[in-house]
Amino acid sequence: MLPREIAVEVETNGTVAQPPALDALIDQYNVSPKLAHSGNPAELALVPERLAHWAAEPRACFKFVIAEPADIAEVLALVERYAIPRTRVWLMAEGTDSATLNAREAWLAQLCLDNHLTLSKRLHIELYGDSRGT
């Protein structure tokens, strides 16, 4: 097999299994489970079998959207329950404008440091605003 010239990442909410034919082509999975504040019912958004699978998958990183400091407790409970390595957990502030993101990142950055998690910025919002396709 020839080496690939591109890396392929897939973003998923983590609720369904990846097809084997696709899995063979993927370099990284960005798993973004929906937390309680999203409004999605937990029984649909947080499928235990799938979360256990993704936690054991070394190509999977977890991205959680954080709206308020209390959301961190939900993330930490998932990290503990599924033994998700903290080095593979990214926290991203919820927001669709730079002012909201900056305000939330001000407290989220410290919570990331305190809990040994990674802050992920929504750079596309800062560069292009809340626009589709960016």
C-alpha atoms as a PDB file:
ATOM      1  CA  MET A   1       0.000   0.000   0.000  1.00  0.00           C
ATOM      2  CA  LEU A   2       1.300   3.435  -0.905  1.00  0.00           C
ATOM      3  CA  PRO A   3       1.548   6.029   1.853  1.00  0.00           C
ATOM      4  CA  ARG A   4      -1.327   8.484   1.865  1.00  0.00           C
ATOM      5  CA  GLU A   5      -0.564  12.132   1.269  1.00  0.00           C
ATOM      6  CA  ILE A   6      -3.460  13.410   3.321  1.00  0.00           C
ATOM      7  CA  ALA A   7      -4.705  12.801   6.844  1.00  0.00           C
ATOM      8  CA  VAL A   8      -8.398  12.111   7.241  1.00  0.00           C
ATOM      9  CA  GLU A   9     -10.327  13.201  10.340  1.00  0.00           C
ATOM     10  CA  VAL A  10     -13.976  12.491  11.020  1.00  0.00           C
ATOM     11  CA  GLU A  11     -16.117  14.473  13.445  1.00  0.00           C
ATOM     12  CA  THR A  12     -18.888  12.471  15.078  1.00  0.00           C
ATOM     13  CA  ASN A  13     -21.243  12.787  18.019  1.00  0.00           C
ATOM     14  CA  GLY A  14     -20.070   9.289  18.932  1.00  0.00           C
ATOM     15  CA  THR A  15     -23.446   7.554  18.974  1.00  0.00           C
ATOM     16  CA  VAL A  16     -22.977   5.122  16.075  1.00  0.00           C
ATOM     17  CA  ALA A  17     -20.290   2.642  15.068  1.00  0.00           C
ATOM     18  CA  GLN A  18     -18.038   3.547  12.198  1.00  0.00           C
ATOM     19  CA  PRO A  19     -18.311   1.293   9.116  1.00  0.00           C
ATOM     20  CA  PRO A  20     -15.225  -0.961   8.845  1.00  0.00           C
ATOM     21  CA  ALA A  21     -14.454   0.135   5.271  1.00  0.00           C
ATOM     22  CA  LEU A  22     -14.402   3.777   6.364  1.00  0.00           C
ATOM     23  CA  ASP A  23     -12.539   3.070   9.594  1.00  0.00           C
ATOM     24  CA  ALA A  24      -9.531   1.771   7.676  1.00  0.00           C
ATOM     25  CA  LEU A  25      -9.117   5.211   6.069  1.00  0.00           C
ATOM     26  CA  ILE A  26      -9.390   7.377   9.177  1.00  0.00           C
ATOM     27  CA  ASP A  27      -6.403   8.891  10.961  1.00  0.00           C
ATOM     28  CA  GLN A  28      -8.327  10.617  13.742  1.00  0.00           C
ATOM     29  CA  TYR A  29     -11.859  10.695  15.111  1.00  0.00           C
ATOM     30  CA  ASN A  30     -13.067  13.879  16.797  1.00  0.00           C
ATOM     31  CA  VAL A  31     -15.838  12.643  19.062  1.00  0.00           C
ATOM     32  CA  SER A  32     -18.123  15.402  20.306  1.00  0.00           C
ATOM     33  CA  PRO A  33     -20.723  13.954  22.697  1.00  0.00           C
ATOM     34  CA  LYS A  34     -23.576  16.300  23.532  1.00  0.00           C
ATOM     35  CA  LEU A  35     -23.772  17.370  27.170  1.00  0.00           C
ATOM     36  CA  ALA A  36     -26.988  17.983  29.118  1.00  0.00           C
ATOM     37  CA  HIS A  37     -27.072  21.712  28.273  1.00  0.00           C
ATOM     38  CA  SER A  38     -27.393  20.842  24.559  1.00  0.00           C
ATOM     39  CA  GLY A  39     -31.005  19.789  25.068  1.00  0.00           C
ATOM     40  CA  ASN A  40     -30.382  16.345  23.591  1.00  0.00           C
ATOM     41  CA  PRO A  41     -31.775  13.496  25.736  1.00  0.00           C
ATOM     42  CA  ALA A  42     -28.893  11.711  27.503  1.00  0.00           C
ATOM     43  CA  GLU A  43     -30.146   8.265  26.442  1.00  0.00           C
ATOM     44  CA  LEU A  44     -29.674   9.313  22.812  1.00  0.00           C
ATOM     45  CA  ALA A  45     -26.627  11.556  23.178  1.00  0.00           C
ATOM     46  CA  LEU A  46     -24.498   9.451  25.541  1.00  0.00           C
ATOM     47  CA  VAL A  47     -24.604   5.816  24.428  1.00  0.00           C
ATOM     48  CA  PRO A  48     -22.518   3.854  26.981  1.00  0.00           C
ATOM     49  CA  GLU A  49     -21.382   1.142  24.549  1.00  0.00           C
ATOM     50  CA  ARG A  50     -20.220   3.724  22.013  1.00  0.00           C
ATOM     51  CA  LEU A  51     -18.498   5.946  24.602  1.00  0.00           C
ATOM     52  CA  ALA A  52     -16.593   2.905  25.912  1.00  0.00           C
ATOM     53  CA  HIS A  53     -15.558   2.071  22.351  1.00  0.00           C
ATOM     54  CA  TRP A  54     -14.330   5.591  21.611  1.00  0.00           C
ATOM     55  CA  ALA A  55     -12.484   5.830  24.920  1.00  0.00           C
ATOM     56  CA  ALA A  56     -10.559   2.676  23.997  1.00  0.00           C
ATOM     57  CA  GLU A  57      -9.881   3.883  20.431  1.00  0.00           C
ATOM     58  CA  PRO A  58      -6.445   5.559  20.388  1.00  0.00           C
ATOM     59  CA  ARG A  59      -7.357   7.571  17.279  1.00  0.00           C
ATOM     60  CA  ALA A  60     -10.295   9.220  19.065  1.00  0.00           C
ATOM     61  CA  CYS A  61     -10.138  12.612  20.751  1.00  0.00           C
ATOM     62  CA  PHE A  62     -13.095  13.984  22.664  1.00  0.00           C
ATOM     63  CA  LYS A  63     -14.361  17.534  22.212  1.00  0.00           C
ATOM     64  CA  PHE A  64     -16.906  18.870  24.664  1.00  0.00           C
ATOM     65  CA  VAL A  65     -18.725  22.165  24.173  1.00  0.00           C
ATOM     66  CA  ILE A  66     -18.872  24.077  27.455  1.00  0.00           C
ATOM     67  CA  ALA A  67     -21.503  26.734  28.186  1.00  0.00           C
ATOM     68  CA  GLU A  68     -20.945  27.247  31.921  1.00  0.00           C
ATOM     69  CA  PRO A  69     -18.469  26.138  34.587  1.00  0.00           C
ATOM     70  CA  ALA A  70     -20.886  23.483  35.906  1.00  0.00           C
ATOM     71  CA  ASP A  71     -20.541  21.602  32.592  1.00  0.00           C
ATOM     72  CA  ILE A  72     -17.033  20.578  33.660  1.00  0.00           C
ATOM     73  CA  ALA A  73     -18.471  18.212  36.293  1.00  0.00           C
ATOM     74  CA  GLU A  74     -20.375  16.343  33.578  1.00  0.00           C
ATOM     75  CA  VAL A  75     -17.220  16.063  31.465  1.00  0.00           C
ATOM     76  CA  LEU A  76     -15.136  14.851  34.411  1.00  0.00           C
ATOM     77  CA  ALA A  77     -17.775  12.229  35.259  1.00  0.00           C
ATOM     78  CA  LEU A  78     -17.589  10.906  31.679  1.00  0.00           C
ATOM     79  CA  VAL A  79     -13.777  10.961  31.748  1.00  0.00           C
ATOM     80  CA  GLU A  80     -13.828   8.936  34.974  1.00  0.00           C
ATOM     81  CA  ARG A  81     -16.605   6.519  34.003  1.00  0.00           C
ATOM     82  CA  TYR A  82     -15.107   5.621  30.618  1.00  0.00           C
ATOM     83  CA  ALA A  83     -11.413   6.027  31.504  1.00  0.00           C
ATOM     84  CA  ILE A  84     -10.931   8.626  28.784  1.00  0.00           C
ATOM     85  CA  PRO A  85      -7.311   9.793  28.842  1.00  0.00           C
ATOM     86  CA  ARG A  86      -7.285  13.496  29.725  1.00  0.00           C
ATOM     87  CA  THR A  87      -4.670  14.090  27.035  1.00  0.00           C
ATOM     88  CA  ARG A  88      -7.422  13.291  24.508  1.00  0.00           C
ATOM     89  CA  VAL A  89     -10.036  15.671  25.949  1.00  0.00           C
ATOM     90  CA  TRP A  90     -10.579  19.138  24.499  1.00  0.00           C
ATOM     91  CA  LEU A  91     -12.954  21.703  25.931  1.00  0.00           C
ATOM     92  CA  MET A  92     -14.435  24.345  23.660  1.00  0.00           C
ATOM     93  CA  ALA A  93     -16.453  27.344  24.806  1.00  0.00           C
ATOM     94  CA  GLU A  94     -19.966  27.572  23.430  1.00  0.00           C
ATOM     95  CA  GLY A  95     -20.623  30.772  21.520  1.00  0.00           C
ATOM     96  CA  THR A  96     -21.255  32.231  18.107  1.00  0.00           C
ATOM     97  CA  ASP A  97     -19.472  35.579  18.518  1.00  0.00           C
ATOM     98  CA  SER A  98     -16.015  36.640  19.673  1.00  0.00           C
ATOM     99  CA  ALA A  99     -17.240  38.532  22.747  1.00  0.00           C
ATOM    100  CA  THR A 100     -19.094  35.484  24.132  1.00  0.00           C
ATOM    101  CA  LEU A 101     -16.184  33.177  23.360  1.00  0.00           C
ATOM    102  CA  ASN A 102     -13.663  35.513  25.001  1.00  0.00           C
ATOM    103  CA  ALA A 103     -15.784  35.809  28.149  1.00  0.00           C
ATOM    104  CA  ARG A 104     -16.238  32.046  28.451  1.00  0.00           C
ATOM    105  CA  GLU A 105     -12.638  31.218  27.570  1.00  0.00           C
ATOM    106  CA  ALA A 106     -11.485  33.512  30.391  1.00  0.00           C
ATOM    107  CA  TRP A 107     -12.808  31.067  33.007  1.00  0.00           C
ATOM    108  CA  LEU A 108     -12.596  27.914  30.853  1.00  0.00           C
ATOM    109  CA  ALA A 109      -8.831  28.232  30.348  1.00  0.00           C
ATOM    110  CA  GLN A 110      -8.226  28.048  34.086  1.00  0.00           C
ATOM    111  CA  LEU A 111     -10.599  25.102  34.477  1.00  0.00           C
ATOM    112  CA  CYS A 112      -8.675  23.291  31.735  1.00  0.00           C
ATOM    113  CA  LEU A 113      -5.407  23.935  33.559  1.00  0.00           C
ATOM    114  CA  ASP A 114      -6.875  22.860  36.908  1.00  0.00           C
ATOM    115  CA  ASN A 115      -8.206  19.598  35.444  1.00  0.00           C
ATOM    116  CA  HIS A 116      -5.362  18.767  33.020  1.00  0.00           C
ATOM    117  CA  LEU A 117      -7.537  19.171  29.925  1.00  0.00           C
ATOM    118  CA  THR A 118      -6.936  21.024  26.655  1.00  0.00           C
ATOM    119  CA  LEU A 119      -8.655  24.254  25.620  1.00  0.00           C
ATOM    120  CA  SER A 120      -9.797  24.287  22.006  1.00  0.00           C
ATOM    121  CA  LYS A 121     -10.602  27.668  20.479  1.00  0.00           C
ATOM    122  CA  ARG A 122     -13.328  28.314  17.932  1.00  0.00           C
ATOM    123  CA  LEU A 123     -10.960  30.157  15.615  1.00  0.00           C
ATOM    124  CA  HIS A 124     -13.398  30.048  12.695  1.00  0.00           C
ATOM    125  CA  ILE A 125     -15.825  32.229  14.699  1.00  0.00           C
ATOM    126  CA  GLU A 126     -13.105  34.759  15.452  1.00  0.00           C
ATOM    127  CA  LEU A 127     -11.995  34.853  11.820  1.00  0.00           C
ATOM    128  CA  TYR A 128     -15.298  34.631   9.958  1.00  0.00           C
ATOM    129  CA  GLY A 129     -18.099  35.109  12.474  1.00  0.00           C
ATOM    130  CA  ASP A 130     -21.027  32.725  12.745  1.00  0.00           C
ATOM    131  CA  SER A 131     -21.157  31.754   9.084  1.00  0.00           C
ATOM    132  CA  ARG A 132     -21.819  28.401   7.417  1.00  0.00           C
ATOM    133  CA  GLY A 133     -19.040  26.545   5.655  1.00  0.00           C
ATOM    134  CA  THR A 134     -16.088  27.963   7.600  1.00  0.00           C
END
